[in-house]
């Protein structure tokens, strides 16, 4: 699927979730921002905002990352679109598996990641 079609599919998912998507130029006031955009809440409504000057492939990334913070289970979408959103969910460690066996694997993987970040072994219980 080409990036433009993928962007349109992601915009459709956002619309089904009642999320407004706005592309604004990040000049002037927003020039100091380092981000590319993302999900925010404004006046009780969810909003995805991004830099209008970004290439399409970057807009796809902003949309996918933003939608990864929202429950999309009840929304019909193309498998490619769902996998793109789920990959962003997995990057930040969110659980995307629903089968009990898969959930156990996710928990074990998280524990292994934490252990590797420390002194090379499981955390000690000193008290």
Protein backbone atom coordinates (compact mmCIF):
# COMPACT_ATOMS: atom_id res chain seq x y z
CA UNK A 1 0.00 0.00 0.00
CA UNK A 2 1.44 3.38 -0.90
CA UNK A 3 1.91 5.98 1.88
CA UNK A 4 -0.91 8.23 0.67
CA UNK A 5 -3.43 5.38 0.75
CA UNK A 6 -2.15 4.33 4.18
CA UNK A 7 -2.56 7.90 5.43
CA UNK A 8 -6.15 7.95 4.13
CA UNK A 9 -6.89 4.63 5.86
CA UNK A 10 -5.50 5.97 9.15
CA UNK A 11 -7.55 9.16 8.78
CA UNK A 12 -10.64 6.99 8.31
CA UNK A 13 -9.86 5.11 11.53
CA UNK A 14 -9.45 8.42 13.38
CA UNK A 15 -12.78 9.65 12.02
CA UNK A 16 -14.51 6.43 13.14
CA UNK A 17 -13.11 7.03 16.62
CA UNK A 18 -14.39 10.63 16.59
CA UNK A 19 -10.85 12.02 16.67
CA UNK A 20 -10.27 15.27 14.83
CA UNK A 21 -7.04 15.39 12.81
CA UNK A 22 -5.46 18.75 12.03
CA UNK A 23 -2.28 19.49 10.11
CA UNK A 24 -0.93 22.92 11.05
CA UNK A 25 2.22 24.70 10.06
CA UNK A 26 4.61 24.60 13.01
CA UNK A 27 6.12 28.02 12.16
CA UNK A 28 6.12 30.98 14.49
CA UNK A 29 4.88 30.00 17.94
CA UNK A 30 5.36 26.28 17.34
CA UNK A 31 8.83 26.66 15.77
CA UNK A 32 10.45 25.93 19.15
CA UNK A 33 8.72 22.54 19.41
CA UNK A 34 10.86 19.51 18.74
CA UNK A 35 7.96 17.12 18.20
CA UNK A 36 6.22 16.26 14.97
CA UNK A 37 2.74 16.09 16.48
CA UNK A 38 0.55 13.60 18.27
CA UNK A 39 -2.58 12.94 20.27
CA UNK A 40 -3.89 15.51 22.73
CA UNK A 41 -7.14 16.39 24.47
CA UNK A 42 -8.69 19.79 23.87
CA UNK A 43 -11.99 20.79 25.42
CA UNK A 44 -12.84 17.18 26.27
CA UNK A 45 -12.30 15.97 22.69
CA UNK A 46 -9.38 13.98 21.37
CA UNK A 47 -7.32 15.65 18.68
CA UNK A 48 -4.37 14.59 16.58
CA UNK A 49 -2.28 17.53 15.48
CA UNK A 50 0.80 17.45 13.30
CA UNK A 51 3.13 19.61 11.26
CA UNK A 52 1.63 20.28 7.82
CA UNK A 53 5.07 20.52 6.22
CA UNK A 54 5.95 16.87 6.99
CA UNK A 55 6.16 14.35 4.16
CA UNK A 56 3.32 11.83 3.89
CA UNK A 57 5.39 9.00 5.38
CA UNK A 58 5.99 11.08 8.53
CA UNK A 59 2.27 11.92 8.78
CA UNK A 60 1.60 8.17 8.65
CA UNK A 61 3.98 7.76 11.59
CA UNK A 62 2.29 10.52 13.61
CA UNK A 63 -1.16 9.08 12.94
CA UNK A 64 -0.09 5.50 13.75
CA UNK A 65 1.64 6.53 16.96
CA UNK A 66 -1.30 8.68 18.07
CA UNK A 67 -3.87 5.96 17.33
CA UNK A 68 -1.76 3.46 19.29
CA UNK A 69 -2.85 5.29 22.47
CA UNK A 70 -6.54 4.70 21.72
CA UNK A 71 -8.62 1.53 21.97
CA UNK A 72 -9.12 0.46 18.35
CA UNK A 73 -10.38 -3.08 18.99
CA UNK A 74 -13.97 -2.37 17.94
CA UNK A 75 -13.01 -0.51 14.76
CA UNK A 76 -12.96 -2.27 11.41
CA UNK A 77 -9.78 -1.54 9.45
CA UNK A 78 -7.42 -3.14 6.99
CA UNK A 79 -5.01 -5.67 8.53
CA UNK A 80 -2.02 -3.57 7.38
CA UNK A 81 -3.39 -0.52 9.18
CA UNK A 82 -4.04 -2.51 12.37
CA UNK A 83 -0.53 -3.98 12.31
CA UNK A 84 1.00 -0.52 11.82
CA UNK A 85 -0.86 0.80 14.90
CA UNK A 86 -0.02 -2.34 16.90
CA UNK A 87 3.69 -1.95 16.10
CA UNK A 88 3.68 1.50 17.68
CA UNK A 89 1.82 0.07 20.68
CA UNK A 90 4.45 -2.63 21.06
CA UNK A 91 7.29 -0.08 20.83
CA UNK A 92 6.11 1.65 23.96
CA UNK A 93 5.45 -1.62 25.76
CA UNK A 94 1.66 -1.55 25.62
CA UNK A 95 -0.06 -4.92 25.64
CA UNK A 96 -1.62 -5.76 22.29
CA UNK A 97 -2.06 -9.50 22.81
CA UNK A 98 -5.44 -10.77 23.98
CA UNK A 99 -4.79 -14.52 24.19
CA UNK A 100 -3.65 -15.55 27.73
CA UNK A 101 -0.56 -17.35 26.39
CA UNK A 102 0.50 -14.24 24.47
CA UNK A 103 -0.07 -12.02 27.51
CA UNK A 104 2.26 -14.25 29.52
CA UNK A 105 4.92 -13.89 26.81
CA UNK A 106 4.55 -10.10 26.86
CA UNK A 107 5.01 -10.02 30.65
CA UNK A 108 8.08 -12.26 30.44
CA UNK A 109 9.58 -10.11 27.68
CA UNK A 110 9.10 -6.97 29.79
CA UNK A 111 10.80 -8.59 32.77
CA UNK A 112 13.73 -9.66 30.61
CA UNK A 113 14.11 -6.12 29.27
CA UNK A 114 14.17 -4.67 32.78
CA UNK A 115 16.76 -7.20 33.94
CA UNK A 116 19.02 -6.44 30.99
CA UNK A 117 18.89 -2.76 31.86
CA UNK A 118 20.28 -3.39 35.35
CA UNK A 119 23.40 -5.23 36.48
CA UNK A 120 22.77 -8.20 34.22
CA UNK A 121 20.60 -10.27 36.54
CA UNK A 122 17.23 -10.18 38.22
CA UNK A 123 16.69 -7.33 40.66
CA UNK A 124 17.78 -8.14 44.20
CA UNK A 125 15.37 -7.91 47.09
CA UNK A 126 17.39 -6.08 49.68
CA UNK A 127 15.41 -4.61 52.40
